[in-house]
Structure formats: structure tokens, C-alpha cells
């Protein structure tokens, strides 16, 4: 979903996890644990995102989601858009 919305982002493996970056700046990542996944919008989890996380656990820099979570395209694009807005053009 993210790669389709932002085709200029490069998919790389960093810290043994899939990450999207623009140039040298990391934008978004995801990691898997036994009982959950962690979404990592590089720039932190904003209050705007937190308000849309009904039932999910938000930390300062990650969002913990269950492994059976149905992806929310709008939420993922919002996280990426906020991070891209933090980066120089």
C-alpha cells in the first residue's frame, strides 16, 4: 500500500527489517515479534495518528499491532506523509 502510494521510496533491509527510505532518510519500517508487529514511522507517532489508533498500542516511536490486523491504508499513508513532511525536499 505504501509503495504504491509513494513509488519514489526505496525498500531496503536495515536492522534486519524491511524499511522504506528516501535517499538516506528512513521513512517507515515494520518488524515482527512472536505475538505482534511493530510499525515504525521514523519521526515518531503524532497525536493525529494516535487519535486514529482505536485499540492499538502507540508508543513514542512505534505502534504495536496484532499479527492478524487488517491493514488500514489511510492510516499507513498518514504516517508516511507526516514523516515525509519532516524531511527536506
Protein backbone atom coordinates (compact mmCIF):
# COMPACT_ATOMS: atom_id res chain seq x y z
CA UNK A 1 0.00 0.00 0.00
CA UNK A 2 2.73 2.45 0.93
CA UNK A 3 4.95 1.58 -2.02
CA UNK A 4 2.00 2.06 -4.38
CA UNK A 5 1.19 5.47 -2.88
CA UNK A 6 4.84 6.58 -2.73
CA UNK A 7 6.73 4.90 -5.58
CA UNK A 8 9.79 7.12 -5.02
CA UNK A 9 10.55 5.39 -1.70
CA UNK A 10 13.19 2.68 -1.75
CA UNK A 11 12.61 -0.64 0.01
CA UNK A 12 15.72 -1.69 1.93
CA UNK A 13 16.61 -4.08 4.73
CA UNK A 14 18.02 -2.29 7.77
CA UNK A 15 18.41 -3.72 11.26
CA UNK A 16 17.24 -6.99 9.65
CA UNK A 17 13.81 -5.48 8.98
CA UNK A 18 12.12 -4.06 5.86
CA UNK A 19 12.30 -0.27 5.76
CA UNK A 20 11.29 2.39 3.29
CA UNK A 21 13.56 5.34 2.79
CA UNK A 22 14.01 8.40 0.62
CA UNK A 23 17.65 8.98 -0.12
CA UNK A 24 19.46 8.42 3.17
CA UNK A 25 16.42 9.24 5.32
CA UNK A 26 14.34 6.41 6.73
CA UNK A 27 10.61 6.95 6.43
CA UNK A 28 8.82 3.83 7.64
CA UNK A 29 9.60 0.35 8.88
CA UNK A 30 7.95 -2.73 10.23
CA UNK A 31 9.23 -5.52 12.44
CA UNK A 32 7.76 -8.82 13.55
CA UNK A 33 7.70 -10.31 17.02
CA UNK A 34 6.08 -13.52 18.19
CA UNK A 35 2.75 -12.01 19.19
CA UNK A 36 2.64 -8.66 17.38
CA UNK A 37 4.07 -6.42 14.68
CA UNK A 38 5.63 -3.02 15.23
CA UNK A 39 5.04 -0.19 12.78
CA UNK A 40 7.81 2.37 12.93
CA UNK A 41 7.09 5.75 11.38
CA UNK A 42 10.54 7.34 11.61
CA UNK A 43 9.74 10.69 13.10
CA UNK A 44 7.54 9.43 15.85
CA UNK A 45 3.86 8.73 16.34
CA UNK A 46 1.97 12.01 16.20
CA UNK A 47 -1.17 12.89 18.12
CA UNK A 48 -3.03 12.88 14.80
CA UNK A 49 -2.05 9.25 14.26
CA UNK A 50 -2.65 8.30 17.89
CA UNK A 51 -6.23 9.58 17.69
CA UNK A 52 -6.89 7.11 14.83
CA UNK A 53 -5.47 4.01 16.53
CA UNK A 54 -8.63 2.61 18.11
CA UNK A 55 -7.48 -0.29 20.27
CA UNK A 56 -3.83 -0.31 19.13
CA UNK A 57 -0.88 0.41 21.39
CA UNK A 58 1.08 3.54 20.48
CA UNK A 59 4.48 4.32 21.91
CA UNK A 60 6.60 7.38 21.16
CA UNK A 61 8.18 5.88 18.03
CA UNK A 62 6.20 2.73 17.27
CA UNK A 63 2.70 1.32 17.02
CA UNK A 64 2.13 -2.25 18.18
CA UNK A 65 -0.44 -4.12 16.11
CA UNK A 66 -1.73 -7.69 16.35
CA UNK A 67 -0.43 -10.12 13.73
CA UNK A 68 -3.94 -10.52 12.33
CA UNK A 69 -4.52 -6.75 11.94
CA UNK A 70 -6.23 -5.74 8.73
CA UNK A 71 -4.03 -3.02 7.21
CA UNK A 72 -5.54 0.46 7.27
CA UNK A 73 -4.26 2.11 4.08
CA UNK A 74 -5.34 5.59 5.14
CA UNK A 75 -3.53 5.30 8.47
CA UNK A 76 -0.34 3.97 6.87
CA UNK A 77 -0.32 6.74 4.27
CA UNK A 78 -0.88 9.33 7.01
CA UNK A 79 2.16 8.07 8.94
CA UNK A 80 4.32 8.21 5.82
CA UNK A 81 3.03 11.64 4.77
CA UNK A 82 3.82 13.08 8.19
CA UNK A 83 7.36 11.72 8.06
CA UNK A 84 7.94 13.00 4.53
CA UNK A 85 6.78 16.45 5.62
CA UNK A 86 9.60 16.44 8.22
CA UNK A 87 12.29 15.81 5.60
CA UNK A 88 13.97 18.39 3.40
CA UNK A 89 12.53 18.46 -0.12
